[in-house]
Amino acid sequence: MKIFEEALVEEACDKMHVAELSIASIGEVLLVAQYLEKKTGIPFIRMDQGSPGLPINHYGVEAEKKALDSGIGSQYPAAAGVPELKQAASDFVKAFIDIDISPRSCVPTTGSVAGSFASFIACSQRIEGKNKILFIDPGFPIQKSQLRVLGIRWKEFDIYPYRGENLREKLEEELKEGDVAAIVYSNPNNPAWICLDESELKIIGELATKYDAIVTEDLAYFCMDYRKDLGHPYAPPYVPTVARYTDNYMLMLSASKIFSYAGQRIALTCVSDKLYERYFEAFVDRYKNSGLFGPTFIASILYMITSGCTASTQYGYAEMLRLSCEGKINFVEDTREYEFRAAKMKKIFTDNGFHIVYDHDVNQQVGDGFFFTIGYGNLTGGELLKELMYYGVSSISLSTTGSRQQGVRACVSRMQEELYPAMEERMRAFHADHQ
């Protein structure tokens, strides 16, 4: 039996100005769920928005307070970032990825959203005619929205049928025209939680070098492949990265998920040292500057967007990175709660007729973490999204992420212990109504 009648859900969509729920954005689904909760008092199982669901890291908070007490709030921060954060970032990358990037090339951004926005501009302007972005989907819908704002065209393909060595032929097919400026993906993946392995990253790196495309590797869910014993500073296994296989890379490291620091909007874009120093005539023509990639990215582009990052937040992030390198913060164990939630939620769904859509990596079952994907029978992603809303469960359709598979994305971050019994009851009712 449905919890919310169709007429009530339609009312919520009308009041929140959501034209078509089946293809609604994360924000639109959120508005509808909130409307229904407020009107009825019935809590939703919130699987829509990927906002952290754990307490903020207190070391960062204390470091921010100390920085503010020192009086730094009266001065503009340097566009390139405070030295303490840049050094801590360089150390962190070495400690957990085993890649050498100089402090100079580690640039703070106001969240990875600002980092990707600026990187799209820089990558697409550096060489005349090389102006498209290639997405290895599924992916973060906001990034394509950024390209709409910028007027930059893109290509995309769903990696689902192209895992392992199959990726090489498909990727080369997309790159061979020579118009791709950058390749974008997240690892672990939002929304599918698949993880690219070393063989796939090697393919991406080799072809990025061959076709001179810059890989923008989004590491928002850093060390959250809980199947591996990651997170030990200066000791293997290290985080897999394309940076081992090409000099054409930009790594995005956000504090939002690994330190639950989302509200402070702080991240890093770590640029390959060789890319940082590359000269592009197009930059000289456009910006009348040195033509070097790194300084152009920072001073001519990123500064025009955010004018730097909040100084106190940079000190907070620096402290969390520093303590992680010293082994005093175990951010992997701090976030492992997401793994436990995913396992419990997946079981409830699969016990009631659902299936995991992106269920395997190259040679192993997909892990449990911040996201997972589910489908039901022959329902399309849009149909499943709407049907779940009637049972008090909010999600987003995979179609909005560039996926060609039918299903929805489930985020575990907002799940609460007291809601598991309600979730089980609702999914039993869903299965009974849809067999």
Protein backbone atom coordinates (compact mmCIF):
# COMPACT_ATOMS: atom_id res chain seq x y z
CA MET A 1 0.00 0.00 0.00
CA LYS A 2 1.28 3.42 -0.96
CA ILE A 3 2.09 5.94 1.76
CA PHE A 4 1.51 9.00 -0.43
CA GLU A 5 -1.27 8.97 -2.99
CA GLU A 6 -0.47 10.03 -6.54
CA ALA A 7 -2.63 13.13 -6.22
CA LEU A 8 -0.64 14.31 -3.20
CA VAL A 9 2.68 13.78 -4.98
CA GLU A 10 1.34 15.67 -8.00
CA GLU A 11 0.30 18.48 -5.65
CA ALA A 12 3.82 18.59 -4.23
CA CYS A 13 5.31 18.75 -7.73
CA ASP A 14 2.92 21.54 -8.69
CA LYS A 15 3.61 23.58 -5.56
CA MET A 16 7.39 23.13 -5.95
CA HIS A 17 7.24 23.87 -9.71
CA VAL A 18 8.68 20.49 -10.69
CA ALA A 19 7.52 19.94 -14.25
CA GLU A 20 8.44 16.25 -14.59
CA LEU A 21 9.36 14.20 -11.55
CA SER A 22 10.81 11.30 -13.55
CA ILE A 23 13.68 13.48 -14.79
CA ALA A 24 13.87 15.80 -11.79
CA SER A 25 17.20 17.11 -10.54
CA ILE A 26 18.51 16.36 -7.05
CA GLY A 27 17.28 19.75 -5.84
CA GLU A 28 13.82 19.25 -7.28
CA VAL A 29 13.42 15.78 -5.72
CA LEU A 30 14.58 17.27 -2.44
CA LEU A 31 11.89 19.97 -2.60
CA VAL A 32 9.12 17.46 -3.29
CA ALA A 33 10.23 15.19 -0.44
CA GLN A 34 10.42 18.09 1.97
CA TYR A 35 6.95 19.29 0.96
CA LEU A 36 5.45 15.85 1.56
CA GLU A 37 7.21 15.46 4.91
CA LYS A 38 6.02 18.86 6.10
CA LYS A 39 2.44 18.35 4.94
CA THR A 40 1.99 14.85 6.40
CA GLY A 41 4.56 14.55 9.18
CA ILE A 42 5.67 11.23 7.67
CA PRO A 43 9.48 10.98 7.40
CA PHE A 44 11.05 10.16 4.05
CA ILE A 45 13.84 7.67 3.47
CA ARG A 46 16.15 10.30 2.00
CA MET A 47 18.40 8.82 -0.68
CA ASP A 48 18.50 11.90 -2.91
CA GLN A 49 21.16 14.41 -1.90
CA GLY A 50 24.77 13.33 -1.31
CA SER A 51 25.36 15.47 1.75
CA PRO A 52 27.60 14.12 4.55
CA GLY A 53 25.76 12.35 7.32
CA LEU A 54 28.52 12.22 9.92
CA PRO A 55 29.78 14.79 12.47
CA ILE A 56 32.21 17.42 11.24
CA ASN A 57 35.88 16.82 12.00
CA HIS A 58 36.57 18.77 15.19
CA TYR A 59 40.30 19.19 14.48
CA GLY A 60 39.41 21.35 11.51
CA VAL A 61 36.94 23.38 13.52
CA GLU A 62 39.47 24.09 16.26
CA ALA A 63 42.15 25.05 13.74
CA GLU A 64 39.71 27.45 12.08
CA LYS A 65 38.87 29.06 15.40
CA LYS A 66 42.55 29.49 16.19
CA ALA A 67 43.18 31.04 12.79
CA LEU A 68 40.33 33.52 13.24
CA ASP A 69 41.52 34.41 16.72
CA SER A 70 44.92 35.26 15.23
CA GLY A 71 43.29 38.03 13.17
CA ILE A 72 43.70 36.58 9.67
CA GLY A 73 40.09 37.43 8.87
CA SER A 74 41.03 41.04 8.17
CA GLN A 75 43.28 40.15 5.23
CA TYR A 76 42.56 38.77 1.78
CA PRO A 77 44.07 35.28 1.33
CA ALA A 78 46.51 34.74 -1.52
CA ALA A 79 44.78 33.39 -4.63
CA ALA A 80 47.20 30.47 -4.78
CA GLY A 81 46.38 29.46 -1.20
CA VAL A 82 48.04 29.77 2.19
CA PRO A 83 51.48 28.09 2.40
CA GLU A 84 50.41 25.78 5.24
CA LEU A 85 47.62 24.24 3.17
CA LYS A 86 49.72 23.93 0.03
CA GLN A 87 52.46 22.08 1.91
CA ALA A 88 49.97 19.86 3.74
CA ALA A 89 48.30 19.02 0.42
CA SER A 90 51.60 18.03 -1.16
CA ASP A 91 52.41 15.83 1.83
CA PHE A 92 48.91 14.27 1.81
CA VAL A 93 49.13 13.34 -1.87
CA LYS A 94 52.50 11.70 -1.24
CA ALA A 95 51.30 9.92 1.91
CA PHE A 96 48.13 8.37 0.50
CA ILE A 97 48.59 8.31 -3.30
CA ASP A 98 52.40 8.07 -3.48
CA ILE A 99 52.58 10.80 -6.12
CA ASP A 100 54.96 13.76 -5.97
CA ILE A 101 53.26 17.12 -6.53
CA SER A 102 54.96 20.29 -5.34
CA PRO A 103 53.15 22.60 -2.89
CA ARG A 104 53.13 25.26 -5.62
CA SER A 105 50.86 23.07 -7.78
CA CYS A 106 48.30 22.33 -5.03
CA VAL A 107 45.60 24.97 -5.32
CA PRO A 108 42.69 25.45 -2.87
CA THR A 109 39.24 25.94 -4.40
CA THR A 110 35.85 26.78 -2.94
CA GLY A 111 34.76 23.15 -3.14
CA SER A 112 35.50 20.83 -6.04
CA VAL A 113 32.60 22.44 -7.91
CA ALA A 114 34.67 25.62 -8.25
CA GLY A 115 37.71 23.53 -9.12
CA SER A 116 35.97 21.73 -11.97
CA PHE A 117 34.40 24.97 -13.23
CA ALA A 118 37.80 26.63 -13.51
CA SER A 119 39.46 23.52 -14.94
CA PHE A 120 36.86 23.28 -17.72
CA ILE A 121 37.66 26.85 -18.71
CA ALA A 122 41.43 26.37 -18.65
CA CYS A 123 41.41 23.03 -20.44
CA SER A 124 39.06 24.12 -23.22
CA GLN A 125 40.91 27.40 -23.91
CA ARG A 126 44.51 26.18 -24.03
CA ILE A 127 44.56 24.90 -27.65
CA GLU A 128 42.45 26.18 -30.54
CA GLY A 129 39.99 23.52 -31.73
CA LYS A 130 40.49 21.29 -28.67
CA ASN A 131 37.41 22.45 -26.82
CA LYS A 132 35.16 19.54 -25.83
CA ILE A 133 34.94 17.75 -22.49
CA LEU A 134 34.61 13.95 -22.44
CA PHE A 135 32.69 12.41 -19.55
CA ILE A 136 33.21 8.80 -18.59
CA ASP A 137 29.70 8.32 -17.23
CA PRO A 138 27.75 7.90 -15.07
CA GLY A 139 28.81 11.04 -13.29
CA PHE A 140 28.01 14.14 -11.28
CA PRO A 141 25.19 16.02 -13.11
CA ILE A 142 26.37 19.43 -11.85
CA GLN A 143 29.47 19.27 -14.03
CA LYS A 144 27.42 19.19 -17.23
CA SER A 145 25.32 22.04 -15.87
CA GLN A 146 28.57 23.98 -15.51
CA LEU A 147 29.33 23.39 -19.18
CA ARG A 148 25.87 24.69 -20.11
CA VAL A 149 26.66 27.90 -18.22
CA LEU A 150 30.02 28.17 -19.98
CA GLY A 151 28.75 27.22 -23.43
CA ILE A 152 31.26 24.38 -23.71
CA ARG A 153 30.25 21.25 -25.64
CA TRP A 154 30.82 17.75 -24.36
CA LYS A 155 30.89 14.08 -25.27
CA GLU A 156 29.85 11.23 -23.03
CA PHE A 157 29.60 7.47 -22.82
CA ASP A 158 28.36 5.04 -20.18
CA ILE A 159 31.25 2.88 -19.02
CA TYR A 160 28.92 -0.02 -18.09
CA PRO A 161 29.76 -2.18 -21.17
CA TYR A 162 33.36 -0.97 -21.49
CA ARG A 163 35.14 -2.23 -18.40
CA GLY A 164 38.70 -3.50 -18.44
CA GLU A 165 40.51 -3.68 -21.77
CA ASN A 166 37.22 -2.88 -23.57
CA LEU A 167 37.69 0.70 -22.38
CA ARG A 168 40.67 1.27 -24.70
CA GLU A 169 38.82 0.96 -28.00
CA LYS A 170 35.86 3.03 -26.84
CA LEU A 171 38.01 5.78 -25.37
CA GLU A 172 40.19 5.97 -28.47
CA GLU A 173 37.06 6.23 -30.60
CA GLU A 174 36.01 9.30 -28.61
CA LEU A 175 39.48 10.89 -28.66
CA LYS A 176 40.68 10.25 -32.20
CA GLU A 177 39.09 13.38 -33.68
CA GLY A 178 41.45 15.44 -31.53
CA ASP A 179 38.83 17.84 -30.18
CA VAL A 180 38.71 16.57 -26.57
CA ALA A 181 40.31 18.99 -24.12
CA ALA A 182 39.67 17.05 -20.91
CA ILE A 183 38.47 13.67 -19.66
CA VAL A 184 36.34 13.67 -16.51
CA TYR A 185 35.33 10.89 -14.09
CA SER A 186 35.02 10.23 -10.38
CA ASN A 187 36.71 7.32 -8.62
CA PRO A 188 35.01 5.84 -6.60
CA ASN A 189 32.15 6.73 -8.88
CA ASN A 190 29.21 8.98 -8.17
CA PRO A 191 26.55 7.51 -8.64
CA ALA A 192 27.46 3.88 -9.36
CA TRP A 193 30.22 3.36 -6.76
CA ILE A 194 32.21 1.40 -9.31
CA CYS A 195 35.98 1.85 -9.02
CA LEU A 196 38.33 2.08 -11.97
CA ASP A 197 41.25 -0.29 -11.44
CA GLU A 198 44.89 0.22 -12.31
CA SER A 199 44.56 -1.35 -15.77
CA GLU A 200 41.74 1.04 -16.70
CA LEU A 201 43.54 4.06 -15.29
CA LYS A 202 46.62 3.06 -17.30
CA ILE A 203 44.51 3.04 -20.47
CA ILE A 204 43.09 6.47 -19.68
CA GLY A 205 46.54 7.87 -18.88
CA GLU A 206 48.18 6.50 -22.02
CA LEU A 207 45.46 7.83 -24.30
CA ALA A 208 45.37 11.18 -22.50
CA THR A 209 49.05 11.57 -23.34
CA LYS A 210 48.61 10.33 -26.90
CA TYR A 211 45.77 12.76 -27.67
CA ASP A 212 46.89 15.56 -25.31
CA ALA A 213 43.74 15.56 -23.18
CA ILE A 214 43.87 16.59 -19.52
CA VAL A 215 42.36 14.10 -17.07
CA THR A 216 40.27 15.70 -14.34
CA GLU A 217 40.13 12.98 -11.69
CA ASP A 218 37.51 13.65 -9.02
CA LEU A 219 38.58 11.98 -5.76
CA ALA A 220 35.68 13.27 -3.67
CA TYR A 221 35.25 9.86 -2.00
CA PHE A 222 38.92 9.49 -1.20
CA CYS A 223 39.97 6.09 0.23
CA MET A 224 36.31 5.02 0.43
CA ASP A 225 36.82 1.78 -1.49
CA TYR A 226 36.51 -0.13 1.75
CA ARG A 227 37.35 -3.45 0.06
CA LYS A 228 41.00 -2.35 0.29
CA ASP A 229 43.01 -1.49 3.38
CA LEU A 230 43.56 2.13 2.34
CA GLY A 231 44.28 5.14 4.48
CA HIS A 232 47.64 4.28 6.05
CA PRO A 233 50.05 7.18 5.44
CA TYR A 234 53.23 6.39 3.50
CA ALA A 235 52.34 2.71 3.23
CA PRO A 236 50.75 0.61 0.48
CA PRO A 237 48.18 -0.01 -0.78
CA TYR A 238 47.94 3.48 -2.20
CA VAL A 239 44.91 5.08 -3.82
CA PRO A 240 44.70 4.18 -7.53
CA THR A 241 45.18 7.19 -9.79
CA VAL A 242 45.72 8.14 -13.42
CA ALA A 243 48.66 10.27 -12.23
CA ARG A 244 50.89 7.18 -12.42
CA TYR A 245 50.35 6.96 -16.17
CA THR A 246 50.32 10.51 -17.56
CA ASP A 247 51.53 14.02 -16.79
CA ASN A 248 48.22 15.44 -18.08
CA TYR A 249 46.19 15.39 -14.89
CA MET A 250 44.39 17.48 -12.29
CA LEU A 251 43.35 15.74 -9.06
CA MET A 252 40.40 17.15 -7.11
CA LEU A 253 40.47 16.47 -3.37
CA SER A 254 37.48 17.69 -1.41
CA ALA A 255 37.14 17.97 2.36
CA SER A 256 33.36 17.52 2.14
CA LYS A 257 33.07 13.75 2.48
CA ILE A 258 36.34 12.50 3.98
CA PHE A 259 36.24 15.04 6.83
CA SER A 260 32.47 15.80 6.71
CA TYR A 261 33.46 19.41 6.10
CA ALA A 262 30.94 20.18 3.35
CA GLY A 263 29.55 23.37 4.86
CA GLN A 264 32.93 25.09 4.73
CA ARG A 265 33.32 24.66 0.95
CA ILE A 266 36.98 23.75 0.67
CA ALA A 267 38.81 21.49 -1.76
CA LEU A 268 42.09 21.23 -3.64
CA THR A 269 42.93 20.97 -7.30
CA CYS A 270 46.36 19.36 -7.50
CA VAL A 271 47.89 19.99 -10.90
CA SER A 272 50.69 17.88 -12.35
CA ASP A 273 53.93 19.82 -12.03
CA LYS A 274 54.68 19.32 -15.70
CA LEU A 275 51.22 20.53 -16.71
CA TYR A 276 51.55 23.49 -14.35
CA GLU A 277 54.62 24.63 -16.27
CA ARG A 278 53.33 24.00 -19.80
CA TYR A 279 53.17 27.00 -22.12
CA PHE A 280 50.13 27.71 -24.31
CA GLU A 281 50.11 30.49 -26.86
CA ALA A 282 46.32 30.72 -26.64
CA PHE A 283 46.61 31.87 -23.01
CA VAL A 284 49.01 34.63 -23.99
CA ASP A 285 46.62 35.81 -26.71
CA ARG A 286 43.57 35.76 -24.44
CA TYR A 287 44.93 36.86 -21.07
CA LYS A 288 48.13 38.70 -21.99
CA ASN A 289 49.99 36.69 -19.39
CA SER A 290 52.91 34.25 -19.23
CA GLY A 291 50.98 31.52 -21.02
CA LEU A 292 51.80 28.97 -18.32
CA PHE A 293 48.96 26.64 -17.38
CA GLY A 294 49.26 26.85 -13.57
CA PRO A 295 49.47 30.63 -13.17
CA THR A 296 46.71 31.07 -15.76
CA PHE A 297 44.48 28.60 -13.91
CA ILE A 298 45.02 30.41 -10.61
CA ALA A 299 45.28 34.12 -11.42
CA SER A 300 43.45 34.56 -14.71
CA ILE A 301 40.58 32.10 -14.18
CA LEU A 302 40.04 30.78 -10.64
CA TYR A 303 40.54 34.17 -8.99
CA MET A 304 37.90 35.66 -11.27
CA ILE A 305 35.38 33.13 -9.97
CA THR A 306 35.91 33.11 -6.20
CA SER A 307 38.74 35.56 -5.39
CA GLY A 308 40.39 32.86 -3.33
CA CYS A 309 39.13 30.61 -0.53
CA THR A 310 38.18 31.65 3.00
CA ALA A 311 41.47 31.88 4.88
CA SER A 312 40.36 30.28 8.15
CA THR A 313 38.90 27.30 6.28
CA GLN A 314 42.22 26.78 4.53
CA TYR A 315 43.92 26.51 7.92
CA GLY A 316 41.26 24.05 9.08
CA TYR A 317 41.78 21.86 6.02
CA ALA A 318 45.56 22.08 6.38
CA GLU A 319 45.37 20.82 9.96
CA MET A 320 43.18 17.84 9.02
CA LEU A 321 45.52 16.89 6.18
CA ARG A 322 48.58 17.29 8.42
CA LEU A 323 47.16 15.12 11.19
CA SER A 324 46.13 12.49 8.65
CA CYS A 325 49.70 12.30 7.37
CA GLU A 326 50.89 11.87 10.94
CA GLY A 327 48.40 9.06 11.54
CA LYS A 328 46.51 11.04 14.19
CA ILE A 329 43.31 11.14 12.12
CA ASN A 330 42.03 7.90 10.59
CA PHE A 331 39.53 9.38 8.17
CA VAL A 332 38.86 5.99 6.55
CA GLU A 333 37.56 4.50 9.78
CA ASP A 334 35.73 7.75 10.50
CA THR A 335 33.71 7.33 7.29
CA ARG A 336 33.27 3.55 7.33
CA GLU A 337 29.75 4.01 8.69
CA TYR A 338 28.72 4.58 5.06
CA GLU A 339 29.83 1.05 4.20
CA PHE A 340 27.67 -0.41 6.98
CA ARG A 341 24.64 1.63 5.91
CA ALA A 342 24.99 0.62 2.27
CA ALA A 343 25.17 -3.07 3.13
CA LYS A 344 22.00 -2.88 5.25
CA MET A 345 20.08 -0.82 2.74
CA LYS A 346 21.09 -2.99 -0.21
CA LYS A 347 19.88 -6.09 1.63
CA ILE A 348 16.48 -4.53 2.27
CA PHE A 349 16.11 -3.72 -1.41
CA THR A 350 17.39 -7.02 -2.80
CA ASP A 351 15.26 -9.00 -0.33
CA ASN A 352 12.26 -7.27 -1.90
CA GLY A 353 12.80 -7.85 -5.59
CA PHE A 354 15.25 -5.06 -6.44
CA HIS A 355 18.59 -5.64 -8.14
CA ILE A 356 21.88 -3.73 -8.06
CA VAL A 357 22.39 -2.07 -11.45
CA TYR A 358 26.13 -1.39 -11.44
CA ASP A 359 27.00 -4.56 -9.56
CA HIS A 360 30.57 -5.36 -10.61
CA ASP A 361 33.94 -3.82 -11.20
CA VAL A 362 36.32 -5.49 -13.63
CA ASN A 363 36.81 -8.69 -11.65
CA GLN A 364 34.97 -8.30 -8.36
CA GLN A 365 31.62 -7.33 -6.90
CA VAL A 366 31.11 -3.60 -6.44
CA GLY A 367 31.84 -2.43 -2.91
CA ASP A 368 29.59 -0.82 -0.30
CA GLY A 369 29.95 2.90 0.27
CA PHE A 370 28.40 6.32 -0.10
CA PHE A 371 26.22 5.44 -3.12
CA PHE A 372 24.70 2.43 -4.83
CA THR A 373 22.31 1.88 -7.73
CA ILE A 374 19.10 -0.13 -7.82
CA GLY A 375 16.58 -1.22 -10.42
CA TYR A 376 13.28 -3.06 -10.26
CA GLY A 377 11.94 -5.35 -12.95
CA ASN A 378 11.27 -3.55 -16.21
CA LEU A 379 10.68 -0.13 -14.68
CA THR A 380 12.68 2.70 -16.22
CA GLY A 381 14.72 4.90 -13.92
CA GLY A 382 12.15 7.67 -14.15
CA GLU A 383 9.27 5.31 -13.43
CA LEU A 384 11.09 3.81 -10.46
CA LEU A 385 11.88 7.24 -9.04
CA LYS A 386 8.18 8.17 -9.13
CA GLU A 387 7.00 4.85 -7.72
CA LEU A 388 9.44 5.02 -4.82
CA MET A 389 8.19 8.53 -3.97
CA TYR A 390 4.72 7.06 -3.33
CA TYR A 391 6.34 4.80 -0.73
CA GLY A 392 8.26 7.59 0.98
CA VAL A 393 11.67 6.97 -0.60
CA SER A 394 13.46 9.72 -2.55
CA SER A 395 16.24 9.14 -5.08
CA ILE A 396 17.38 10.38 -8.50
CA SER A 397 17.07 8.66 -11.88
CA LEU A 398 20.27 7.29 -13.37
CA SER A 399 19.34 8.97 -16.64
CA THR A 400 20.27 12.34 -15.10
CA THR A 401 23.83 11.09 -14.51
CA GLY A 402 24.62 10.10 -18.10
CA SER A 403 23.87 6.43 -17.47
CA ARG A 404 22.16 4.34 -20.15
CA GLN A 405 21.01 1.79 -17.57
CA GLN A 406 17.57 1.76 -15.98
CA GLY A 407 17.45 2.48 -12.28
CA VAL A 408 18.01 5.08 -9.59
CA ARG A 409 20.89 6.29 -7.46
CA ALA A 410 20.67 5.70 -3.73
CA CYS A 411 22.75 7.74 -1.29
CA VAL A 412 23.21 6.34 2.21
CA SER A 413 24.43 9.48 3.97
CA ARG A 414 21.08 10.60 5.39
CA MET A 415 19.90 7.18 6.53
CA GLN A 416 19.10 7.01 10.24
CA GLU A 417 19.10 3.91 12.40
CA GLU A 418 15.50 4.35 13.52
CA LEU A 419 14.29 4.38 9.89
CA TYR A 420 15.42 0.86 8.93
CA PRO A 421 12.21 -0.80 10.19
CA ALA A 422 10.12 1.73 8.23
CA MET A 423 12.23 1.15 5.15
CA GLU A 424 11.77 -2.63 5.39
CA GLU A 425 8.02 -2.23 5.78
CA ARG A 426 7.76 0.18 2.84
CA MET A 427 9.83 -1.99 0.50
CA ARG A 428 7.81 -5.08 1.40
CA ALA A 429 4.70 -3.13 0.48
CA PHE A 430 6.35 -1.92 -2.76
CA HIS A 431 7.26 -5.48 -3.73
CA ALA A 432 3.78 -6.78 -2.92
CA ASP A 433 2.22 -4.08 -5.08
CA HIS A 434 4.57 -4.55 -8.04
CA GLN A 435 5.04 -8.31 -8.43
